C-alpha atoms as a PDB file:
ATOM      1  CA  MET A   1      -0.265  -0.390   0.135  1.00  0.00           C
ATOM      2  CA  SER A   2       1.430   3.384  -1.307  1.00  0.00           C
ATOM      3  CA  THR A   3       1.013   6.086   0.835  1.00  0.00           C
ATOM      4  CA  LEU A   4      -1.322   8.728   0.305  1.00  0.00           C
ATOM      5  CA  ASP A   5      -3.756   5.269  -1.799  1.00  0.00           C
ATOM      6  CA  GLY A   6      -7.319   6.294  -1.961  1.00  0.00           C
ATOM      7  CA  LYS A   7      -6.348  10.000  -1.513  1.00  0.00           C
ATOM      8  CA  LYS A   8      -7.610  12.569  -5.143  1.00  0.00           C
ATOM      9  CA  ILE A   9      -6.077  15.555  -5.365  1.00  0.00           C
ATOM     10  CA  ALA A  10      -6.793  18.517  -7.806  1.00  0.00           C
ATOM     11  CA  PHE A  11      -4.319  20.201  -9.394  1.00  0.00           C
ATOM     12  CA  LEU A  12      -5.619  24.242 -10.488  1.00  0.00           C
ATOM     13  CA  THR A  13      -4.275  25.296 -13.549  1.00  0.00           C
ATOM     14  CA  SER A  14      -5.427  28.388 -15.994  1.00  0.00           C
ATOM     15  CA  GLN A  15      -5.073  27.385 -19.617  1.00  0.00           C
ATOM     16  CA  ILE A  16      -2.278  28.878 -20.225  1.00  0.00           C
ATOM     17  CA  GLY A  17       1.434  30.376 -18.321  1.00  0.00           C
ATOM     18  CA  ILE A  18       2.045  27.098 -15.918  1.00  0.00           C
ATOM     19  CA  GLU A  19       5.777  27.155 -14.954  1.00  0.00           C
ATOM     20  CA  LYS A  20       5.604  22.623 -16.159  1.00  0.00           C
ATOM     21  CA  ALA A  21       7.739  21.734 -13.426  1.00  0.00           C
ATOM     22  CA  GLU A  22       5.650  23.506 -10.657  1.00  0.00           C
ATOM     23  CA  LEU A  23       2.817  21.504 -12.445  1.00  0.00           C
ATOM     24  CA  THR A  24       4.469  18.078 -13.205  1.00  0.00           C
ATOM     25  CA  GLU A  25       6.975  17.464 -10.528  1.00  0.00           C
ATOM     26  CA  PRO A  26       4.439  17.542  -7.076  1.00  0.00           C
ATOM     27  CA  TRP A  27       1.988  15.583  -9.954  1.00  0.00           C
ATOM     28  CA  LYS A  28       4.112  12.348 -10.225  1.00  0.00           C
ATOM     29  CA  THR A  29       5.116  12.950  -6.545  1.00  0.00           C
ATOM     30  CA  VAL A  30       1.138  12.602  -4.918  1.00  0.00           C
ATOM     31  CA  THR A  31       0.525   9.665  -8.048  1.00  0.00           C
ATOM     32  CA  ASP A  32       3.868   7.835  -7.035  1.00  0.00           C
ATOM     33  CA  ALA A  33       1.937   7.735  -3.754  1.00  0.00           C
ATOM     34  CA  GLY A  34      -0.686   5.765  -4.642  1.00  0.00           C
ATOM     35  CA  ALA A  35      -3.072   9.210  -5.359  1.00  0.00           C
ATOM     36  CA  THR A  36      -4.742   9.631  -7.807  1.00  0.00           C
ATOM     37  CA  ALA A  37      -4.529  13.941  -9.746  1.00  0.00           C
ATOM     38  CA  VAL A  38      -7.168  15.326 -11.258  1.00  0.00           C
ATOM     39  CA  HIS A  39      -6.398  18.601 -13.514  1.00  0.00           C
ATOM     40  CA  LEU A  40      -9.262  21.584 -13.360  1.00  0.00           C
ATOM     41  CA  ALA A  41      -8.732  24.314 -15.642  1.00  0.00           C
ATOM     42  CA  PRO A  42     -11.401  26.957 -16.676  1.00  0.00           C
ATOM     43  CA  GLU A  43     -11.652  24.845 -19.878  1.00  0.00           C
ATOM     44  CA  THR A  44     -11.153  21.226 -20.696  1.00  0.00           C
ATOM     45  CA  GLY A  45      -8.337  20.510 -23.507  1.00  0.00           C
ATOM     46  CA  ASP A  46      -5.048  22.416 -23.917  1.00  0.00           C
ATOM     47  CA  VAL A  47      -3.429  23.787 -20.978  1.00  0.00           C
ATOM     48  CA  GLN A  48       0.308  25.289 -22.287  1.00  0.00           C
ATOM     49  CA  SER A  49       3.376  24.900 -20.066  1.00  0.00           C
ATOM     50  CA  MET A  50       6.066  27.285 -19.795  1.00  0.00           C
ATOM     51  CA  VAL A  51       9.614  27.180 -18.649  1.00  0.00           C
ATOM     52  CA  GLY A  52      11.296  29.861 -17.058  1.00  0.00           C
ATOM     53  CA  ASP A  53       7.538  31.518 -17.677  1.00  0.00           C
ATOM     54  CA  VAL A  54       8.637  32.813 -20.888  1.00  0.00           C
ATOM     55  CA  ASP A  55       9.450  29.387 -22.804  1.00  0.00           C
ATOM     56  CA  LYS A  56       6.832  28.303 -24.405  1.00  0.00           C
ATOM     57  CA  ASP A  57       6.921  23.771 -23.340  1.00  0.00           C
ATOM     58  CA  GLU A  58       4.112  21.101 -23.507  1.00  0.00           C
ATOM     59  CA  VAL A  59       1.318  21.063 -23.527  1.00  0.00           C
ATOM     60  CA  PHE A  60      -1.244  19.269 -21.031  1.00  0.00           C
ATOM     61  CA  ALA A  61      -4.697  18.141 -20.842  1.00  0.00           C
ATOM     62  CA  ALA A  62      -7.441  19.249 -18.367  1.00  0.00           C
ATOM     63  CA  ASP A  63      -9.388  16.615 -16.804  1.00  0.00           C
ATOM     64  CA  ARG A  64     -12.409  18.878 -15.581  1.00  0.00           C
ATOM     65  CA  THR A  65     -13.671  22.212 -15.640  1.00  0.00           C
ATOM     66  CA  ILE A  66     -12.928  24.008 -12.282  1.00  0.00           C
ATOM     67  CA  ALA A  67     -17.294  25.058 -12.537  1.00  0.00           C
ATOM     68  CA  SER A  68     -17.391  20.625 -12.732  1.00  0.00           C
ATOM     69  CA  ALA A  69     -15.594  20.849  -9.702  1.00  0.00           C
ATOM     70  CA  SER A  70     -16.853  20.101  -5.430  1.00  0.00           C
ATOM     71  CA  VAL A  71     -13.952  20.436  -2.767  1.00  0.00           C
ATOM     72  CA  ASP A  72     -16.002  17.093  -1.510  1.00  0.00           C
ATOM     73  CA  GLU A  73     -15.026  15.445  -4.458  1.00  0.00           C
ATOM     74  CA  PHE A  74     -10.513  15.877  -3.558  1.00  0.00           C
ATOM     75  CA  ASP A  75      -8.352  15.417  -0.147  1.00  0.00           C
ATOM     76  CA  ALA A  76      -6.503  18.591  -1.374  1.00  0.00           C
ATOM     77  CA  LEU A  77      -5.479  21.246  -3.295  1.00  0.00           C
ATOM     78  CA  VAL A  78      -2.217  21.916  -5.645  1.00  0.00           C
ATOM     79  CA  ILE A  79      -1.962  25.368  -7.114  1.00  0.00           C
ATOM     80  CA  PRO A  80       0.808  25.179  -9.577  1.00  0.00           C
ATOM     81  CA  GLY A  81       3.080  28.983 -10.069  1.00  0.00           C
ATOM     82  CA  GLY A  82       4.139  30.923 -13.046  1.00  0.00           C
ATOM     83  CA  THR A  83       2.890  34.401 -13.449  1.00  0.00           C
ATOM     84  CA  VAL A  84       0.694  34.246 -16.100  1.00  0.00           C
ATOM     85  CA  ASN A  85      -1.321  31.559 -15.004  1.00  0.00           C
ATOM     86  CA  ALA A  86      -1.382  32.410 -10.938  1.00  0.00           C
ATOM     87  CA  ASP A  87      -2.488  36.597 -12.900  1.00  0.00           C
ATOM     88  CA  ASN A  88      -5.428  34.545 -15.099  1.00  0.00           C
ATOM     89  CA  LEU A  89      -6.359  31.940 -11.964  1.00  0.00           C
ATOM     90  CA  ARG A  90      -7.370  35.019  -9.544  1.00  0.00           C
ATOM     91  CA  LEU A  91      -9.369  36.838 -11.663  1.00  0.00           C
ATOM     92  CA  ASP A  92     -11.545  33.065 -12.830  1.00  0.00           C
ATOM     93  CA  GLY A  93     -14.179  33.522 -10.405  1.00  0.00           C
ATOM     94  CA  ASP A  94     -15.097  29.711 -10.343  1.00  0.00           C
ATOM     95  CA  ALA A  95     -10.749  29.521  -9.281  1.00  0.00           C
ATOM     96  CA  VAL A  96     -11.557  32.067  -6.119  1.00  0.00           C
ATOM     97  CA  ALA A  97     -14.537  29.917  -5.375  1.00  0.00           C
ATOM     98  CA  LEU A  98     -12.454  26.711  -5.280  1.00  0.00           C
ATOM     99  CA  VAL A  99      -9.620  27.975  -3.248  1.00  0.00           C
ATOM    100  CA  THR A 100     -12.450  29.719  -0.704  1.00  0.00           C
ATOM    101  CA  ALA A 101     -13.792  26.593  -0.276  1.00  0.00           C
ATOM    102  CA  PHE A 102     -10.964  24.120   0.637  1.00  0.00           C
ATOM    103  CA  SER A 103     -10.353  26.687   3.132  1.00  0.00           C
ATOM    104  CA  GLU A 104     -13.666  26.564   4.545  1.00  0.00           C
ATOM    105  CA  ALA A 105     -14.094  23.205   4.334  1.00  0.00           C
ATOM    106  CA  GLY A 106     -10.306  22.616   6.685  1.00  0.00           C
ATOM    107  CA  LYS A 107      -8.689  21.070   3.510  1.00  0.00           C
ATOM    108  CA  PRO A 108      -4.888  20.656   2.160  1.00  0.00           C
ATOM    109  CA  VAL A 109      -4.259  24.016  -0.565  1.00  0.00           C
ATOM    110  CA  ALA A 110      -0.573  23.850  -1.252  1.00  0.00           C
ATOM    111  CA  ALA A 111       0.771  27.047  -4.027  1.00  0.00           C
ATOM    112  CA  ILE A 112       4.070  27.364  -4.887  1.00  0.00           C
ATOM    113  CA  CYS A 113       5.981  30.665  -6.468  1.00  0.00           C
ATOM    114  CA  HIS A 114       2.965  32.586  -7.658  1.00  0.00           C
ATOM    115  CA  GLY A 115       0.110  30.203  -6.646  1.00  0.00           C
ATOM    116  CA  PRO A 116      -0.486  32.291  -3.788  1.00  0.00           C
ATOM    117  CA  TRP A 117      -2.128  34.849  -5.441  1.00  0.00           C
ATOM    118  CA  ALA A 118      -5.250  32.985  -5.764  1.00  0.00           C
ATOM    119  CA  LEU A 119      -4.943  32.879  -1.909  1.00  0.00           C
ATOM    120  CA  VAL A 120      -4.765  36.097  -2.067  1.00  0.00           C
ATOM    121  CA  GLU A 121      -7.632  36.920  -4.335  1.00  0.00           C
ATOM    122  CA  ALA A 122      -9.937  34.502  -1.803  1.00  0.00           C
ATOM    123  CA  GLY A 123      -9.102  36.362   0.894  1.00  0.00           C
ATOM    124  CA  VAL A 124      -8.150  33.901   2.887  1.00  0.00           C
ATOM    125  CA  LEU A 125      -4.415  34.598   4.282  1.00  0.00           C
ATOM    126  CA  PRO A 126      -5.599  36.637   7.901  1.00  0.00           C
ATOM    127  CA  GLY A 127      -3.718  34.585  10.379  1.00  0.00           C
ATOM    128  CA  LYS A 128      -1.696  32.509   7.833  1.00  0.00           C
ATOM    129  CA  THR A 129       2.013  32.248   7.933  1.00  0.00           C
ATOM    130  CA  LEU A 130       3.677  31.181   4.169  1.00  0.00           C
ATOM    131  CA  THR A 131       6.332  31.834   1.245  1.00  0.00           C
ATOM    132  CA  SER A 132       6.253  32.310  -2.313  1.00  0.00           C
ATOM    133  CA  TYR A 133       7.806  34.108  -5.156  1.00  0.00           C
ATOM    134  CA  PRO A 134       9.138  37.119  -3.861  1.00  0.00           C
ATOM    135  CA  SER A 135       7.616  39.446  -5.577  1.00  0.00           C
ATOM    136  CA  LEU A 136       4.344  38.608  -3.729  1.00  0.00           C
ATOM    137  CA  GLN A 137       5.030  39.399  -0.166  1.00  0.00           C
ATOM    138  CA  THR A 138       3.175  42.669   0.122  1.00  0.00           C
ATOM    139  CA  ASP A 139       0.183  41.426  -2.088  1.00  0.00           C
ATOM    140  CA  VAL A 140       0.808  38.196   0.773  1.00  0.00           C
ATOM    141  CA  ARG A 141       1.161  40.540   3.935  1.00  0.00           C
ATOM    142  CA  ASN A 142      -1.354  43.725   2.343  1.00  0.00           C
ATOM    143  CA  ALA A 143      -4.202  40.182   2.432  1.00  0.00           C
ATOM    144  CA  GLY A 144      -3.819  39.646   6.250  1.00  0.00           C
ATOM    145  CA  GLY A 145      -1.027  36.906   5.914  1.00  0.00           C
ATOM    146  CA  THR A 146       3.078  37.067   7.274  1.00  0.00           C
ATOM    147  CA  TRP A 147       5.405  36.081   4.124  1.00  0.00           C
ATOM    148  CA  VAL A 148       9.088  34.400   5.266  1.00  0.00           C
ATOM    149  CA  ASP A 149      11.817  33.449   3.368  1.00  0.00           C
ATOM    150  CA  GLU A 150      11.713  29.846   3.498  1.00  0.00           C
ATOM    151  CA  GLN A 151      12.343  26.831   1.200  1.00  0.00           C
ATOM    152  CA  VAL A 152       9.017  25.189   2.413  1.00  0.00           C
ATOM    153  CA  LYS A 153       6.890  27.279   5.182  1.00  0.00           C
ATOM    154  CA  HIS A 154       3.482  24.544   6.768  1.00  0.00           C
ATOM    155  CA  CYS A 155       1.308  26.604   8.446  1.00  0.00           C
ATOM    156  CA  THR A 156      -1.826  24.534  10.313  1.00  0.00           C
ATOM    157  CA  ALA A 157      -3.274  28.330  12.005  1.00  0.00           C
ATOM    158  CA  ASN A 158      -7.289  28.719  11.259  1.00  0.00           C
ATOM    159  CA  GLY A 159      -8.353  25.011  11.288  1.00  0.00           C
ATOM    160  CA  TRP A 160      -6.518  24.196   7.611  1.00  0.00           C
ATOM    161  CA  ASP A 161      -2.872  23.378   6.417  1.00  0.00           C
ATOM    162  CA  LEU A 162      -1.100  25.938   3.608  1.00  0.00           C
ATOM    163  CA  ILE A 163       1.589  24.728   2.200  1.00  0.00           C
ATOM    164  CA  THR A 164       3.787  26.688   0.152  1.00  0.00           C
ATOM    165  CA  SER A 165       7.207  27.323  -1.488  1.00  0.00           C
ATOM    166  CA  ARG A 166       9.262  29.767  -3.378  1.00  0.00           C
ATOM    167  CA  ASN A 167      10.209  28.615  -6.690  1.00  0.00           C
ATOM    168  CA  PRO A 168      10.962  25.531  -8.850  1.00  0.00           C
ATOM    169  CA  ASP A 169      14.139  25.426  -6.508  1.00  0.00           C
ATOM    170  CA  ASP A 170      12.040  23.693  -4.176  1.00  0.00           C
ATOM    171  CA  LEU A 171       9.970  21.470  -5.434  1.00  0.00           C
ATOM    172  CA  LYS A 172      11.804  18.332  -3.210  1.00  0.00           C
ATOM    173  CA  ALA A 173      11.022  19.394   0.078  1.00  0.00           C
ATOM    174  CA  PHE A 174       6.939  20.930  -1.103  1.00  0.00           C
ATOM    175  CA  GLY A 175       6.670  17.763  -2.546  1.00  0.00           C
ATOM    176  CA  ASP A 176       7.135  15.804   0.501  1.00  0.00           C
ATOM    177  CA  THR A 177       5.666  18.012   2.976  1.00  0.00           C
ATOM    178  CA  ILE A 178       2.068  17.766   0.305  1.00  0.00           C
ATOM    179  CA  LEU A 179       2.495  13.868   0.996  1.00  0.00           C
ATOM    180  CA  GLU A 180       2.994  14.290   4.980  1.00  0.00           C
ATOM    181  CA  VAL A 181       0.136  16.531   5.409  1.00  0.00           C
ATOM    182  CA  VAL A 182      -1.823  14.873   3.055  1.00  0.00           C
ATOM    183  CA  ALA A 183      -0.984  11.175   3.828  1.00  0.00           C
ATOM    184  CA  GLY A 184      -1.465  12.650   7.877  1.00  0.00           C
ATOM    185  CA  ARG A 185      -5.411  12.952   6.843  1.00  0.00           C
END
């Protein structure tokens, strides 16, 4: 039996601008541990990944629309970064509503790099301590969170687990913490 057998984890992206490694590496980490991963985007079909925020890379298929998803179906939510991805997600009402639903349900949310912009927009950061790409620190503070410069930060304040990391260099620690938190539920 694997660590996450029976667990179902949602990966939330927009249609374009996802930092490839921030989608594929956590996906591999959770599926290798036995979880079922489901890719949610505003539309089904093509989702464009990037490398270094500027170079187009692979195209992935979204499994389902964000609007068709319910927090009750999933054990955790992962929000990859990529500047364009994160900026588009925070403008998508269904994405923001899903992030809010996860926090209200007390289910783990993991966000890396620019991914915490969706958390800022959802208004779920008061009392939380997190990390992100450094350019988001003012946004995090203005949204009521405490920003720290750490490889990975796991915060349990306000009754739900928030796992955050700064950038692709932190993916190993990010994935390990997701496994630890989700397996412990």
